[in-house]
């Protein structure tokens, strides 16, 4: 159930469970967007406007990310996770070389989440954002199996 809390009994205490999509969109995605924007601009020479269109956010938000006027929770924690940084660089490379040329609508959130799950970096990203993997309900996305 999207956006709702689920409770599960574990021993004698109740553990709140959230869908992976809910946790990802609220906690992880904003930080990854900031890291991805920086990588696309500094690593691939894209403009703020091009990056804003790719990520589906406004150009001023990209500027705020780059200048530090907008502090993004968990961005520093995620930037210290080598697996997460590797995924961000890989997704940036894909978006810079394929994403803007085809003009296709790319769901960057799903692309990032799928890449994190496939590289086993999602657990580190959740941990960096203060979420235990046991508190997350994993959906089956594309070819990935639940809980991977």
Protein backbone atom coordinates (compact mmCIF):
# COMPACT_ATOMS: atom_id res chain seq x y z
CA UNK A 1 0.00 0.00 0.00
CA UNK A 2 1.71 3.17 -1.22
CA UNK A 3 2.24 5.89 1.36
CA UNK A 4 0.84 3.89 4.24
CA UNK A 5 2.55 2.35 7.21
CA UNK A 6 2.29 -1.35 7.80
CA UNK A 7 2.96 -2.94 11.12
CA UNK A 8 4.49 -6.33 11.66
CA UNK A 9 5.07 -8.20 14.90
CA UNK A 10 8.67 -9.02 15.63
CA UNK A 11 9.05 -10.69 18.98
CA UNK A 12 7.29 -8.43 21.45
CA UNK A 13 7.77 -5.12 19.67
CA UNK A 14 5.96 -3.63 16.70
CA UNK A 15 8.05 -2.57 13.71
CA UNK A 16 6.73 0.04 11.28
CA UNK A 17 7.15 -0.97 7.66
CA UNK A 18 7.27 1.38 4.69
CA UNK A 19 7.22 0.57 1.01
CA UNK A 20 10.61 0.89 -0.65
CA UNK A 21 9.16 3.42 -3.10
CA UNK A 22 7.96 5.64 -0.25
CA UNK A 23 11.34 5.60 1.51
CA UNK A 24 13.23 6.04 -1.74
CA UNK A 25 11.16 9.04 -2.92
CA UNK A 26 11.17 10.83 0.45
CA UNK A 27 14.70 10.20 1.69
CA UNK A 28 17.06 8.86 -0.97
CA UNK A 29 15.94 10.45 -4.25
CA UNK A 30 16.48 14.12 -3.31
CA UNK A 31 20.06 13.38 -2.26
CA UNK A 32 20.74 11.28 -5.36
CA UNK A 33 19.30 14.03 -7.55
CA UNK A 34 21.75 16.52 -6.07
CA UNK A 35 24.68 14.13 -6.59
CA UNK A 36 23.51 13.30 -10.10
CA UNK A 37 23.09 16.98 -11.03
CA UNK A 38 26.63 17.73 -9.89
CA UNK A 39 28.02 14.76 -11.83
CA UNK A 40 26.14 15.65 -15.04
CA UNK A 41 27.28 19.28 -14.94
CA UNK A 42 30.87 18.80 -13.77
CA UNK A 43 31.55 15.48 -15.44
CA UNK A 44 29.68 15.84 -18.71
CA UNK A 45 29.47 19.61 -19.22
CA UNK A 46 25.69 19.77 -19.36
CA UNK A 47 23.95 23.02 -18.52
CA UNK A 48 21.74 23.49 -15.48
CA UNK A 49 18.73 23.73 -17.78
CA UNK A 50 19.57 20.45 -19.53
CA UNK A 51 20.04 18.72 -16.18
CA UNK A 52 16.80 20.13 -14.82
CA UNK A 53 14.93 18.72 -17.83
CA UNK A 54 16.57 15.32 -17.45
CA UNK A 55 15.81 15.13 -13.72
CA UNK A 56 12.34 16.65 -13.97
CA UNK A 57 12.99 19.54 -11.58
CA UNK A 58 13.33 23.28 -12.01
CA UNK A 59 16.60 24.94 -13.06
CA UNK A 60 16.69 27.08 -9.88
CA UNK A 61 16.61 23.90 -7.79
CA UNK A 62 19.64 22.60 -9.69
CA UNK A 63 21.38 25.92 -9.00
CA UNK A 64 20.53 25.64 -5.30
CA UNK A 65 21.99 22.12 -5.20
CA UNK A 66 25.23 23.29 -6.82
CA UNK A 67 25.71 26.45 -4.77
CA UNK A 68 24.73 24.85 -1.47
CA UNK A 69 21.78 27.20 -0.97
CA UNK A 70 19.58 24.12 -0.68
CA UNK A 71 20.84 21.65 1.89
CA UNK A 72 19.81 18.16 0.93
CA UNK A 73 19.47 15.71 3.82
CA UNK A 74 21.57 12.56 3.44
CA UNK A 75 23.54 13.86 0.41
CA UNK A 76 26.81 13.88 2.37
CA UNK A 77 26.14 10.44 3.84
CA UNK A 78 25.34 8.97 0.42
CA UNK A 79 28.36 10.64 -1.18
CA UNK A 80 30.56 8.71 1.26
CA UNK A 81 29.22 5.32 0.09
CA UNK A 82 31.46 4.08 -2.75
CA UNK A 83 28.79 1.77 -4.19
CA UNK A 84 26.23 4.58 -4.26
CA UNK A 85 28.72 6.97 -5.91
CA UNK A 86 29.49 4.29 -8.50
CA UNK A 87 25.78 3.95 -9.31
CA UNK A 88 25.37 7.73 -9.59
CA UNK A 89 28.31 7.91 -12.01
CA UNK A 90 26.93 5.02 -14.07
CA UNK A 91 23.45 6.53 -14.28
CA UNK A 92 24.95 9.94 -15.14
CA UNK A 93 26.91 8.35 -17.97
CA UNK A 94 23.74 6.68 -19.28
CA UNK A 95 21.68 9.87 -19.05
CA UNK A 96 24.39 12.04 -20.60
CA UNK A 97 25.02 9.73 -23.54
CA UNK A 98 21.59 8.20 -24.19
CA UNK A 99 18.96 9.96 -22.09
CA UNK A 100 18.94 13.41 -23.67
CA UNK A 101 19.50 12.39 -27.28
CA UNK A 102 16.46 10.20 -27.73
CA UNK A 103 14.05 12.68 -26.18
CA UNK A 104 12.34 9.80 -24.41
CA UNK A 105 10.68 10.21 -21.07
CA UNK A 106 13.05 8.56 -18.60
CA UNK A 107 11.85 7.89 -15.10
CA UNK A 108 15.06 8.81 -13.31
CA UNK A 109 13.74 7.67 -9.92
CA UNK A 110 13.10 4.13 -11.16
CA UNK A 111 16.37 4.11 -13.08
CA UNK A 112 18.32 5.05 -9.92
CA UNK A 113 16.42 2.64 -7.68
CA UNK A 114 16.83 -0.26 -10.11
CA UNK A 115 20.55 0.48 -10.49
CA UNK A 116 20.99 0.62 -6.70
CA UNK A 117 19.17 -2.68 -6.25
CA UNK A 118 21.09 -4.39 -9.05
CA UNK A 119 24.46 -3.31 -7.62
CA UNK A 120 23.58 -4.27 -4.04
CA UNK A 121 24.06 -0.62 -3.01
CA UNK A 122 20.48 -0.07 -1.85
CA UNK A 123 21.17 -1.43 1.63
CA UNK A 124 24.03 1.06 2.07
CA UNK A 125 21.81 3.89 0.82
CA UNK A 126 19.04 2.96 3.26
CA UNK A 127 21.54 2.69 6.09
CA UNK A 128 23.02 6.11 5.24
CA UNK A 129 19.50 7.56 5.45
CA UNK A 130 18.79 5.98 8.82
CA UNK A 131 16.46 3.21 7.62
CA UNK A 132 16.93 -0.46 8.53
CA UNK A 133 16.32 -2.90 5.71
CA UNK A 134 13.89 -4.81 7.95
CA UNK A 135 11.64 -1.73 7.99
CA UNK A 136 11.18 -1.78 4.21
CA UNK A 137 8.72 -3.73 2.09
CA UNK A 138 10.34 -4.53 -1.26
CA UNK A 139 8.24 -4.55 -4.42
CA UNK A 140 9.18 -6.63 -7.44
CA UNK A 141 10.38 -4.21 -10.10
CA UNK A 142 11.13 -5.22 -13.68
CA UNK A 143 13.42 -8.23 -13.64
CA UNK A 144 14.55 -7.78 -10.04
CA UNK A 145 13.11 -10.11 -7.45
CA UNK A 146 11.68 -8.88 -4.15
CA UNK A 147 14.25 -8.15 -1.48
CA UNK A 148 17.21 -8.00 -3.84
